[in-house]
């Protein structure tokens, strides 16, 4: 069986596809089937090491991107989409997969259109509470639509929709060695796969006060790590105090697992994949969504998770270092607040999401191949 994976531009699109790939191999083995041949199509491989580890062949396919701000590139992008669709038709015809698994995002549009043209079955997954434009388009052609938030079902053809949760990489489920308790609570800060400049600046402003009480593990994003480290030295010149601050450009699977296990409170952006990993850790969280005028999905995700009780939401425009530290202290000093967040996280977890999608892909692939 041949399966094409598509959807990228961010880790929130890419890494759930890797979780699905892991589940596809496991499901094929459990069912006594040969391992599937997997292909990833997109403008770039995003994480070549992950693709190589999972034996996923990369095929380059261009894509256009519609921006939410004025740009001359918006005039050219329809031509990039058309060109990308033509390239995708050629590549899909050559591979001729049994099914296409799309995670959405602008990189998926040419491949989905090409698959529809070639009558190749399409499965899509929508991670966000507010359905993205790429998946709204793909829903017209999809055989099966998986969602993470019930709110998304109202925006999609209900007869195709299944509430599956977000696929999470297998490594994050594996129990780690017992962590040595620390004297200080640990604050884990997650800015998303690319980091978050506004969140980084906010955390830096809290450091002089925060580091007197807490250890801070801060995922800054690769582009921001060096600047953040220099600024931290200026704001906290005392080396012994600054030793409680650990900036990390990027957290690997195992580093993320360790950080989630050790964290007392998590401060994070509200990407759906990150929320799913936070829920799996059952740790209290403070979510700072990207403002609505910049990103259409994070605010809806944050409040949907908060309604389950798993987190509190602080709007970026109203947030100050003092308010953030006060909220961290409130969570750490109130057992009932933390207990409610654990309960909310448990309600949100779908541990078999990747396997559910793997089963659907294999079943649909069998139908197409027969």
Protein backbone atom coordinates (compact mmCIF):
# COMPACT_ATOMS: atom_id res chain seq x y z
CA UNK A 1 0.00 0.00 0.00
CA UNK A 2 1.22 3.49 -0.87
CA UNK A 3 0.15 6.48 1.21
CA UNK A 4 0.99 10.14 0.60
CA UNK A 5 1.24 12.52 3.57
CA UNK A 6 0.87 16.24 3.05
CA UNK A 7 0.54 19.31 5.24
CA UNK A 8 3.28 21.47 6.56
CA UNK A 9 4.73 24.89 7.09
CA UNK A 10 4.63 24.42 10.88
CA UNK A 11 5.34 21.65 13.34
CA UNK A 12 1.65 21.61 14.22
CA UNK A 13 0.94 20.25 10.74
CA UNK A 14 4.06 18.14 10.30
CA UNK A 15 4.49 16.19 13.54
CA UNK A 16 0.95 14.77 13.71
CA UNK A 17 1.70 13.30 10.27
CA UNK A 18 4.78 11.65 11.77
CA UNK A 19 2.56 10.23 14.54
CA UNK A 20 0.22 8.84 11.89
CA UNK A 21 3.21 7.32 10.05
CA UNK A 22 4.30 5.53 13.25
CA UNK A 23 0.75 4.24 13.73
CA UNK A 24 0.53 3.06 10.11
CA UNK A 25 3.57 0.83 10.55
CA UNK A 26 2.27 -0.49 13.86
CA UNK A 27 -1.23 -1.12 12.51
CA UNK A 28 0.06 -2.88 9.37
CA UNK A 29 2.24 -5.12 11.53
CA UNK A 30 -0.67 -5.92 13.89
CA UNK A 31 -2.90 -6.78 10.94
CA UNK A 32 -0.27 -8.99 9.31
CA UNK A 33 0.14 -6.62 6.35
CA UNK A 34 3.37 -5.55 4.65
CA UNK A 35 4.57 -2.12 5.85
CA UNK A 36 3.14 0.68 3.70
CA UNK A 37 5.28 2.83 1.42
CA UNK A 38 5.02 6.40 2.70
CA UNK A 39 5.68 9.63 0.81
CA UNK A 40 5.70 13.24 2.03
CA UNK A 41 4.95 16.01 -0.49
CA UNK A 42 5.64 19.68 0.14
CA UNK A 43 7.79 22.70 -0.78
CA UNK A 44 10.45 21.51 1.70
CA UNK A 45 10.95 18.45 3.92
CA UNK A 46 10.51 20.50 7.14
CA UNK A 47 12.35 17.89 9.26
CA UNK A 48 14.44 15.58 7.07
CA UNK A 49 15.72 13.61 10.06
CA UNK A 50 12.17 12.69 11.08
CA UNK A 51 11.35 11.64 7.51
CA UNK A 52 14.49 9.52 7.26
CA UNK A 53 13.90 7.87 10.64
CA UNK A 54 10.39 6.86 9.58
CA UNK A 55 11.46 5.79 6.07
CA UNK A 56 9.25 8.41 4.41
CA UNK A 57 10.32 9.41 0.89
CA UNK A 58 10.27 13.16 0.27
CA UNK A 59 8.94 14.59 -3.01
CA UNK A 60 9.20 18.33 -3.65
CA UNK A 61 5.95 20.05 -4.60
CA UNK A 62 5.55 23.86 -4.74
CA UNK A 63 2.61 25.67 -3.18
CA UNK A 64 1.20 29.17 -2.97
CA UNK A 65 0.30 30.91 0.27
CA UNK A 66 -2.53 33.41 0.80
CA UNK A 67 -1.41 35.98 3.36
CA UNK A 68 -3.66 37.84 5.79
CA UNK A 69 -1.92 41.11 4.99
CA UNK A 70 -1.44 43.15 1.83
CA UNK A 71 1.36 41.85 -0.32
CA UNK A 72 2.20 41.75 -4.01
CA UNK A 73 2.86 38.04 -3.53
CA UNK A 74 -0.88 37.51 -3.00
CA UNK A 75 -1.35 38.38 -6.69
CA UNK A 76 1.17 35.72 -7.74
CA UNK A 77 0.08 32.98 -5.35
CA UNK A 78 -2.84 31.66 -7.46
CA UNK A 79 -0.29 30.95 -10.19
CA UNK A 80 1.94 29.12 -7.67
CA UNK A 81 -1.08 27.04 -6.61
CA UNK A 82 -1.85 26.21 -10.24
CA UNK A 83 1.77 25.30 -10.95
CA UNK A 84 1.94 23.26 -7.74
CA UNK A 85 -1.23 21.40 -8.70
CA UNK A 86 0.23 20.49 -12.09
CA UNK A 87 3.43 19.26 -10.43
CA UNK A 88 1.35 17.30 -7.88
CA UNK A 89 -0.69 15.65 -10.66
CA UNK A 90 2.50 14.42 -12.30
CA UNK A 91 4.00 13.17 -9.02
CA UNK A 92 0.80 11.53 -7.76
CA UNK A 93 0.29 9.86 -11.15
CA UNK A 94 3.82 8.46 -10.91
CA UNK A 95 3.44 7.30 -7.28
CA UNK A 96 -0.27 6.56 -7.64
CA UNK A 97 -0.99 6.15 -3.92
CA UNK A 98 -3.97 4.26 -2.52
CA UNK A 99 -4.89 7.23 -0.31
CA UNK A 100 -3.72 10.78 0.52
CA UNK A 101 -3.55 11.94 4.15
CA UNK A 102 -3.77 15.75 4.40
CA UNK A 103 -3.15 17.72 7.58
CA UNK A 104 -4.21 21.01 6.02
CA UNK A 105 -2.20 24.20 5.63
CA UNK A 106 -1.33 25.99 2.41
CA UNK A 107 1.16 23.30 1.34
CA UNK A 108 -1.62 20.73 1.13
CA UNK A 109 -3.81 22.56 -1.42
CA UNK A 110 -2.04 21.53 -4.68
CA UNK A 111 -1.77 17.88 -3.58
CA UNK A 112 -5.43 17.70 -2.50
CA UNK A 113 -6.59 19.23 -5.79
CA UNK A 114 -4.39 16.83 -7.75
CA UNK A 115 -5.67 13.84 -5.76
CA UNK A 116 -9.27 14.89 -6.41
CA UNK A 117 -8.50 15.22 -10.14
CA UNK A 118 -6.96 11.73 -10.20
CA UNK A 119 -9.81 10.30 -8.05
CA UNK A 120 -7.43 9.21 -5.31
CA UNK A 121 -9.23 8.96 -1.92
CA UNK A 122 -8.45 11.77 0.53
CA UNK A 123 -8.49 11.75 4.33
CA UNK A 124 -8.05 15.04 6.20
CA UNK A 125 -7.40 15.99 9.80
CA UNK A 126 -8.39 19.37 11.26
CA UNK A 127 -6.55 20.15 14.49
CA UNK A 128 -8.17 23.49 15.23
CA UNK A 129 -11.51 24.55 16.66
CA UNK A 130 -11.88 26.94 13.73
CA UNK A 131 -11.45 25.10 10.42
CA UNK A 132 -8.69 26.42 8.17
CA UNK A 133 -9.33 27.46 4.59
CA UNK A 134 -7.27 24.62 3.12
CA UNK A 135 -9.34 22.01 4.95
CA UNK A 136 -12.62 23.72 4.08
CA UNK A 137 -11.61 23.26 0.44
CA UNK A 138 -10.38 19.69 1.00
CA UNK A 139 -13.60 18.72 2.83
CA UNK A 140 -15.46 18.80 -0.50
CA UNK A 141 -13.34 15.93 -1.79
CA UNK A 142 -12.52 14.03 1.42
CA UNK A 143 -13.79 10.54 2.21
CA UNK A 144 -13.09 10.90 5.94
CA UNK A 145 -12.62 14.02 8.08
CA UNK A 146 -10.99 13.71 11.52
CA UNK A 147 -11.28 16.56 14.02
CA UNK A 148 -9.84 17.46 17.43
CA UNK A 149 -12.50 19.90 18.67
CA UNK A 150 -16.26 19.25 18.53
CA UNK A 151 -16.74 22.89 17.48
CA UNK A 152 -15.16 22.10 14.10
CA UNK A 153 -17.96 19.68 13.18
CA UNK A 154 -20.36 22.58 12.62
CA UNK A 155 -18.13 23.89 9.83
CA UNK A 156 -17.77 20.60 7.93
CA UNK A 157 -19.98 17.97 6.22
CA UNK A 158 -21.21 16.10 9.31
CA UNK A 159 -21.66 12.77 7.55
CA UNK A 160 -17.89 12.58 6.97
CA UNK A 161 -16.72 13.79 10.40
CA UNK A 162 -15.21 11.76 13.26
CA UNK A 163 -13.96 13.19 16.55
CA UNK A 164 -10.52 11.55 16.91
CA UNK A 165 -8.34 14.03 18.79
CA UNK A 166 -4.85 15.03 17.67
CA UNK A 167 -2.31 12.33 16.69
CA UNK A 168 0.66 12.48 19.07
CA UNK A 169 4.08 10.94 18.50
CA UNK A 170 4.66 7.62 20.24
CA UNK A 171 7.71 8.84 22.19
CA UNK A 172 5.56 11.27 24.17
CA UNK A 173 3.49 8.37 25.52
CA UNK A 174 6.50 6.37 26.73
CA UNK A 175 7.14 6.69 30.48
CA UNK A 176 10.47 8.30 31.25
CA UNK A 177 12.82 7.51 34.10
CA UNK A 178 11.75 8.98 37.41
CA UNK A 179 12.79 12.63 37.60
CA UNK A 180 14.83 13.81 40.57
CA UNK A 181 12.63 16.23 42.52
CA UNK A 182 13.80 19.83 42.51
CA UNK A 183 13.51 22.27 45.36
CA UNK A 184 11.94 24.85 43.06
CA UNK A 185 8.82 24.64 40.90
CA UNK A 186 9.65 24.47 37.19
CA UNK A 187 7.97 26.77 34.69
CA UNK A 188 8.03 25.41 31.13
CA UNK A 189 7.55 28.02 28.39
CA UNK A 190 6.56 26.84 24.89
CA UNK A 191 6.39 29.32 22.04
CA UNK A 192 5.53 26.88 19.24
CA UNK A 193 7.86 25.26 16.71
CA UNK A 194 9.17 28.63 15.48
CA UNK A 195 9.18 30.40 18.82
CA UNK A 196 7.12 33.47 19.72
CA UNK A 197 8.80 36.86 19.92
CA UNK A 198 6.13 38.48 22.10
CA UNK A 199 6.09 35.56 24.54
CA UNK A 200 9.90 35.53 24.61
CA UNK A 201 10.00 39.22 25.51
CA UNK A 202 7.35 38.76 28.19
CA UNK A 203 9.28 35.89 29.80
CA UNK A 204 12.51 37.87 29.71
CA UNK A 205 10.82 40.71 31.60
CA UNK A 206 9.67 38.30 34.30
CA UNK A 207 13.11 36.72 34.83
CA UNK A 208 14.50 39.04 37.54
CA UNK A 209 11.53 38.17 39.80
CA UNK A 210 10.73 34.67 38.52
CA UNK A 211 14.23 33.25 39.00
CA UNK A 212 14.19 34.06 42.72
CA UNK A 213 11.44 31.40 43.12
CA UNK A 214 11.32 29.19 40.02
CA UNK A 215 13.41 27.32 37.50
CA UNK A 216 12.43 28.34 33.96
CA UNK A 217 12.82 26.10 30.88
CA UNK A 218 12.18 28.31 27.86
CA UNK A 219 11.73 27.01 24.30
CA UNK A 220 12.61 30.15 22.35
CA UNK A 221 12.58 29.03 18.71
CA UNK A 222 15.77 28.57 16.70
CA UNK A 223 15.74 32.11 15.29
CA UNK A 224 15.52 33.73 18.73
CA UNK A 225 17.78 31.65 20.96
CA UNK A 226 20.97 33.74 20.65
CA UNK A 227 19.19 37.08 21.21
CA UNK A 228 17.23 35.73 24.17
CA UNK A 229 20.41 34.45 25.82
CA UNK A 230 22.16 37.81 25.44
CA UNK A 231 19.14 39.69 26.80
CA UNK A 232 18.86 37.30 29.76
CA UNK A 233 22.47 38.05 30.70
CA UNK A 234 21.72 41.76 30.67
CA UNK A 235 18.54 41.43 32.71
CA UNK A 236 19.95 38.90 35.21
CA UNK A 237 23.70 39.61 35.56
CA UNK A 238 24.01 37.34 38.63
CA UNK A 239 25.33 34.03 37.26
CA UNK A 240 24.05 31.97 40.19
CA UNK A 241 20.52 33.32 39.73
CA UNK A 242 20.64 32.99 35.95
CA UNK A 243 21.66 29.33 36.31
CA UNK A 244 17.97 28.65 37.03
CA UNK A 245 17.09 29.79 33.49
CA UNK A 246 17.43 27.22 30.66
CA UNK A 247 16.78 28.62 27.17
CA UNK A 248 16.36 25.95 24.47
CA UNK A 249 16.08 26.74 20.76
CA UNK A 250 14.07 23.59 20.10
CA UNK A 251 12.94 20.59 22.14
CA UNK A 252 13.37 17.16 20.59
CA UNK A 253 10.77 14.45 21.29
CA UNK A 254 12.66 13.16 24.34
CA UNK A 255 13.55 16.66 25.58
CA UNK A 256 9.90 17.68 25.29
CA UNK A 257 8.83 14.58 27.16
CA UNK A 258 11.32 15.28 29.96
CA UNK A 259 10.33 18.95 30.14
CA UNK A 260 6.61 18.15 30.30
CA UNK A 261 7.24 15.54 33.00
CA UNK A 262 9.26 17.96 35.13
CA UNK A 263 7.09 21.05 34.67
CA UNK A 264 4.96 22.41 37.52
CA UNK A 265 3.16 24.90 35.25
CA UNK A 266 3.29 25.31 31.47
CA UNK A 267 3.07 28.71 29.78
CA UNK A 268 2.37 28.26 26.08
CA UNK A 269 1.02 29.48 22.81
CA UNK A 270 -2.18 27.69 21.80
CA UNK A 271 -1.32 25.62 18.75
CA UNK A 272 -3.50 22.52 18.70
CA UNK A 273 -0.59 20.08 18.67
CA UNK A 274 1.01 21.79 21.68
CA UNK A 275 -2.30 21.76 23.57
CA UNK A 276 -2.65 18.03 22.88
CA UNK A 277 0.84 17.39 24.28
CA UNK A 278 0.09 19.55 27.33
CA UNK A 279 -3.15 17.63 27.91
CA UNK A 280 -1.26 14.34 27.68
CA UNK A 281 1.11 15.55 30.41
CA UNK A 282 -1.89 16.49 32.64
CA UNK A 283 -0.07 19.62 33.77
CA UNK A 284 -1.72 22.96 34.59
CA UNK A 285 -1.31 25.46 31.79
CA UNK A 286 -1.53 29.14 30.99
CA UNK A 287 -2.30 29.68 27.31
CA UNK A 288 -1.38 32.90 25.48
CA UNK A 289 -2.98 32.60 22.02
CA UNK A 290 -1.71 34.50 19.01
CA UNK A 291 -4.11 37.45 18.51
CA UNK A 292 -7.06 36.82 16.18
CA UNK A 293 -5.91 39.38 13.61
CA UNK A 294 -2.68 37.41 13.14
CA UNK A 295 -3.89 33.80 13.40
CA UNK A 296 -7.50 32.64 13.07
CA UNK A 297 -7.15 29.44 15.09
CA UNK A 298 -5.22 29.79 18.35
CA UNK A 299 -7.75 31.87 20.28
CA UNK A 300 -10.54 29.40 19.48
CA UNK A 301 -8.28 26.48 20.47
CA UNK A 302 -7.30 28.10 23.77
CA UNK A 303 -10.84 28.85 24.88
CA UNK A 304 -12.11 25.43 23.77
CA UNK A 305 -9.46 23.75 25.96
CA UNK A 306 -10.10 26.18 28.81
CA UNK A 307 -13.81 25.30 28.73
CA UNK A 308 -12.81 21.71 29.50
CA UNK A 309 -10.97 23.12 32.54
CA UNK A 310 -7.46 22.24 31.38
CA UNK A 311 -6.01 25.76 31.30
CA UNK A 312 -6.53 29.45 31.84
CA UNK A 313 -6.28 31.87 28.93
CA UNK A 314 -4.47 35.21 29.14
CA UNK A 315 -4.87 37.54 26.17
CA UNK A 316 -1.58 38.90 24.86
CA UNK A 317 -2.83 42.49 24.61
CA UNK A 318 -3.71 42.57 28.34
CA UNK A 319 -0.74 40.63 29.64
CA UNK A 320 2.02 42.04 31.83
CA UNK A 321 4.92 40.30 33.62
CA UNK A 322 3.24 41.00 36.97
CA UNK A 323 -0.06 39.46 35.85
CA UNK A 324 1.67 36.36 34.49
CA UNK A 325 3.65 35.80 37.69
CA UNK A 326 0.51 36.34 39.79
CA UNK A 327 -1.35 33.68 37.76
CA UNK A 328 1.56 31.22 38.10
CA UNK A 329 1.57 31.76 41.87
CA UNK A 330 -2.22 31.31 42.06
CA UNK A 331 -2.00 27.95 40.28
CA UNK A 332 0.95 26.70 42.34
CA UNK A 333 -0.59 27.65 45.69
CA UNK A 334 -4.12 26.30 45.12
CA UNK A 335 -4.49 22.51 45.06
CA UNK A 336 -8.10 22.75 43.86
CA UNK A 337 -7.10 24.80 40.80
CA UNK A 338 -4.43 22.27 39.81
CA UNK A 339 -6.81 19.35 40.38
CA UNK A 340 -9.42 20.94 38.11
CA UNK A 341 -6.83 21.41 35.37
CA UNK A 342 -5.76 17.76 35.61
CA UNK A 343 -9.39 16.69 35.30
CA UNK A 344 -9.88 18.99 32.29
CA UNK A 345 -6.78 17.57 30.60
CA UNK A 346 -8.04 14.01 31.07
CA UNK A 347 -11.33 14.90 29.35
CA UNK A 348 -9.39 16.22 26.35
CA UNK A 349 -7.01 13.30 25.76
CA UNK A 350 -7.60 10.92 22.84
CA UNK A 351 -4.70 8.45 23.24
CA UNK A 352 -5.66 6.40 20.17
CA UNK A 353 -6.00 9.27 17.67
CA UNK A 354 -3.06 8.19 15.48
CA UNK A 355 -4.22 4.57 15.39
CA UNK A 356 -7.80 5.61 14.52
CA UNK A 357 -6.50 7.53 11.52
CA UNK A 358 -4.14 4.69 10.55
CA UNK A 359 -7.08 2.24 10.53
CA UNK A 360 -9.13 4.62 8.37
CA UNK A 361 -6.27 5.09 5.90
CA UNK A 362 -5.62 1.36 5.59
CA UNK A 363 -9.31 0.54 5.17
CA UNK A 364 -9.82 3.23 2.55
CA UNK A 365 -6.57 2.27 0.83
CA UNK A 366 -7.72 -1.37 0.62
CA UNK A 367 -11.00 -0.28 -1.02
CA UNK A 368 -9.17 1.85 -3.57
CA UNK A 369 -6.65 -0.88 -4.34
CA UNK A 370 -9.25 -3.60 -4.84
